[in-house]
């Protein structure tokens, strides 16, 4: 049986300055400390910057409610 995973995308408003990168890094680091792993590189849209992440779901645990 494959291990189920939780998939999240961290999103922050995109501005062409360091604030966007700092905010994304802060949120991603919080998730990394909570057991999440990076899934690929960050990506952009015209208005947002995103980082996909995954975390294995342990048997008997419930994924958080959004």
Protein backbone atom coordinates (compact mmCIF):
# COMPACT_ATOMS: atom_id res chain seq x y z
CA UNK A 1 0.00 0.00 0.00
CA UNK A 2 1.31 3.46 -0.86
CA UNK A 3 1.67 6.02 1.90
CA UNK A 4 -0.97 8.74 1.54
CA UNK A 5 0.35 12.29 1.39
CA UNK A 6 -0.98 15.72 2.14
CA UNK A 7 -0.33 18.26 -0.62
CA UNK A 8 -0.30 22.01 0.04
CA UNK A 9 0.69 25.05 -1.96
CA UNK A 10 2.06 28.00 -0.02
CA UNK A 11 1.03 31.25 -1.73
CA UNK A 12 2.04 34.86 -1.16
CA UNK A 13 1.24 38.00 -3.17
CA UNK A 14 4.02 38.69 -5.67
CA UNK A 15 5.86 42.00 -5.56
CA UNK A 16 9.15 42.54 -7.38
CA UNK A 17 11.11 43.01 -4.17
CA UNK A 18 12.71 40.99 -1.39
CA UNK A 19 9.58 41.16 0.80
CA UNK A 20 7.84 38.51 -1.33
CA UNK A 21 10.80 36.14 -1.06
CA UNK A 22 11.18 36.71 2.69
CA UNK A 23 7.48 36.08 3.32
CA UNK A 24 7.47 32.94 1.19
CA UNK A 25 10.64 31.69 2.91
CA UNK A 26 9.12 32.30 6.35
CA UNK A 27 5.93 30.36 5.52
CA UNK A 28 7.86 27.53 3.82
CA UNK A 29 10.23 27.22 6.79
CA UNK A 30 7.24 26.92 9.15
CA UNK A 31 5.94 24.02 7.06
CA UNK A 32 9.41 22.42 6.82
CA UNK A 33 9.62 22.51 10.63
CA UNK A 34 6.22 20.76 10.70
CA UNK A 35 7.42 17.80 8.62
CA UNK A 36 6.59 18.98 5.10
CA UNK A 37 8.98 18.57 2.18
CA UNK A 38 9.49 20.78 -0.87
CA UNK A 39 7.95 19.53 -4.08
CA UNK A 40 9.84 21.18 -6.91
CA UNK A 41 10.80 24.81 -7.32
CA UNK A 42 8.69 27.87 -6.51
CA UNK A 43 6.59 29.21 -9.39
CA UNK A 44 4.96 32.54 -10.22
CA UNK A 45 1.79 33.95 -11.68
CA UNK A 46 1.24 37.64 -12.40
CA UNK A 47 -0.01 38.23 -8.86
CA UNK A 48 1.26 35.38 -6.66
CA UNK A 49 4.35 33.32 -5.82
CA UNK A 50 3.84 29.65 -4.89
CA UNK A 51 5.74 26.74 -3.36
CA UNK A 52 4.21 23.24 -3.49
CA UNK A 53 4.93 20.95 -0.53
CA UNK A 54 3.99 17.46 0.63
CA UNK A 55 3.86 15.59 3.91
CA UNK A 56 3.24 11.88 4.49
CA UNK A 57 0.00 11.27 6.38
CA UNK A 58 0.68 9.04 9.35
CA UNK A 59 -1.84 6.24 10.05
CA UNK A 60 -4.43 7.43 12.55
CA UNK A 61 -3.76 11.13 11.99
CA UNK A 62 -6.16 13.50 10.36
CA UNK A 63 -5.09 16.15 7.85
CA UNK A 64 -5.63 19.72 9.04
CA UNK A 65 -8.73 21.54 7.91
CA UNK A 66 -7.99 24.43 5.57
